[in-house]
Amino acid sequence: MSTPPPPPIPTYSGPPGGDVYRPTGNNGKAVAAMVCGIVGLVIFGFILGIIAIVLGSIAKNEIKRTGQGGSGMATAGIVLGIIDIVAGIIIFAAVVG
């Protein structure tokens, strides 16, 4: 007669009730959006304003989904990006006009 196989070794799968993982720290795209917005203000960067708005919008969606920090930075990047674009248009109109 053969012996039964040993029971499987339990593996750790996180806290009871399922895995709960919340990334900590700020979202990198939110930080990048804010930096692009600030640098765009300094050098009147029309392109940096567009980048700040795009990165800020993507970051806001990721933050909602993952629970990371940085929502304020993403919002600041979007607002600064809009200011960059408006300032770029005004400066362009002043130079051309």
Protein backbone atom coordinates (compact mmCIF):
# COMPACT_ATOMS: atom_id res chain seq x y z
CA MET A 1 0.00 0.00 0.00
CA SER A 2 1.37 3.43 -0.91
CA THR A 3 1.41 6.42 1.37
CA PRO A 4 -0.66 9.48 0.46
CA PRO A 5 1.20 12.55 -0.77
CA PRO A 6 1.99 15.24 1.81
CA PRO A 7 -0.42 18.16 2.05
CA PRO A 8 0.50 21.24 -0.01
CA ILE A 9 2.55 23.90 1.70
CA PRO A 10 0.43 27.03 2.22
CA THR A 11 1.68 30.17 0.56
CA TYR A 12 1.23 33.71 1.83
CA SER A 13 -1.18 35.66 -0.33
CA GLY A 14 -1.58 38.82 1.71
CA PRO A 15 -3.96 39.86 4.45
CA PRO A 16 -7.08 37.83 5.21
CA GLY A 17 -9.93 38.64 2.90
CA GLY A 18 -7.83 39.16 -0.19
CA ASP A 19 -4.86 41.13 -1.36
CA VAL A 20 -5.03 44.83 -0.70
CA TYR A 21 -2.23 46.78 -2.34
CA ARG A 22 -2.16 50.54 -2.43
CA PRO A 23 0.86 52.11 -4.06
CA THR A 24 2.39 54.71 -1.84
CA GLY A 25 3.94 57.97 -2.87
CA ASN A 26 3.06 60.41 -5.56
CA ASN A 27 2.22 59.59 -9.13
CA GLY A 28 5.23 60.29 -11.35
CA LYS A 29 3.15 61.76 -14.16
CA ALA A 30 1.61 64.23 -11.70
CA VAL A 31 5.06 65.40 -10.66
CA ALA A 32 6.14 65.67 -14.30
CA ALA A 33 2.99 67.66 -15.17
CA MET A 34 3.67 70.16 -12.41
CA VAL A 35 7.33 70.51 -13.37
CA CYS A 36 6.43 71.05 -17.05
CA GLY A 37 3.87 73.67 -16.03
CA ILE A 38 6.38 75.56 -13.87
CA VAL A 39 9.18 75.40 -16.42
CA GLY A 40 6.71 76.48 -19.11
CA LEU A 41 5.92 79.60 -17.09
CA VAL A 42 9.58 80.48 -16.80
CA ILE A 43 10.41 80.08 -20.48
CA PHE A 44 6.92 80.78 -21.90
CA GLY A 45 6.72 77.25 -23.24
CA PHE A 46 3.66 76.66 -25.38
CA ILE A 47 4.67 73.04 -25.99
CA LEU A 48 5.41 72.44 -22.31
CA GLY A 49 1.91 73.70 -21.51
CA ILE A 50 0.39 71.08 -23.77
CA ILE A 51 2.58 68.38 -22.23
CA ALA A 52 1.59 69.51 -18.72
CA ILE A 53 -2.11 69.28 -19.55
CA VAL A 54 -1.79 65.83 -21.11
CA LEU A 55 0.35 64.42 -18.29
CA GLY A 56 -1.89 65.99 -15.65
CA SER A 57 -5.01 64.46 -17.18
CA ILE A 58 -3.44 61.02 -17.43
CA ALA A 59 -2.17 61.31 -13.86
CA LYS A 60 -5.63 62.24 -12.53
CA ASN A 61 -7.10 59.09 -14.10
CA GLU A 62 -4.30 56.89 -12.73
CA ILE A 63 -4.65 58.41 -9.26
CA LYS A 64 -8.38 57.65 -9.21
CA ARG A 65 -7.70 54.07 -10.26
CA THR A 66 -4.70 53.27 -8.05
CA GLY A 67 -5.17 55.50 -5.02
CA GLN A 68 -1.72 57.08 -5.28
CA GLY A 69 -1.02 60.59 -4.06
CA GLY A 70 -0.38 63.62 -6.21
CA SER A 71 -3.86 64.75 -7.21
CA GLY A 72 -3.04 68.34 -6.30
CA MET A 73 0.14 68.26 -8.33
CA ALA A 74 -1.76 66.91 -11.33
CA THR A 75 -4.33 69.69 -10.99
CA ALA A 76 -1.56 72.27 -10.66
CA GLY A 77 0.07 70.89 -13.81
CA ILE A 78 -3.20 71.22 -15.74
CA VAL A 79 -3.82 74.78 -14.52
CA LEU A 80 -0.23 75.86 -15.17
CA GLY A 81 -0.38 74.24 -18.61
CA ILE A 82 -3.45 76.30 -19.47
CA ILE A 83 -1.69 79.45 -18.25
CA ASP A 84 1.38 78.52 -20.34
CA ILE A 85 -0.72 78.17 -23.49
CA VAL A 86 -2.58 81.45 -22.91
CA ALA A 87 0.68 83.29 -22.18
CA GLY A 88 2.27 81.76 -25.28
CA ILE A 89 -0.62 82.92 -27.46
CA ILE A 90 -0.49 86.44 -26.01
CA ILE A 91 3.29 86.69 -26.49
CA PHE A 92 3.03 85.32 -30.03
CA ALA A 93 0.30 87.83 -30.88
CA ALA A 94 2.37 90.69 -29.41
CA VAL A 95 5.47 89.72 -31.36
CA VAL A 96 3.65 89.18 -34.65
CA GLY A 97 1.32 92.17 -34.21
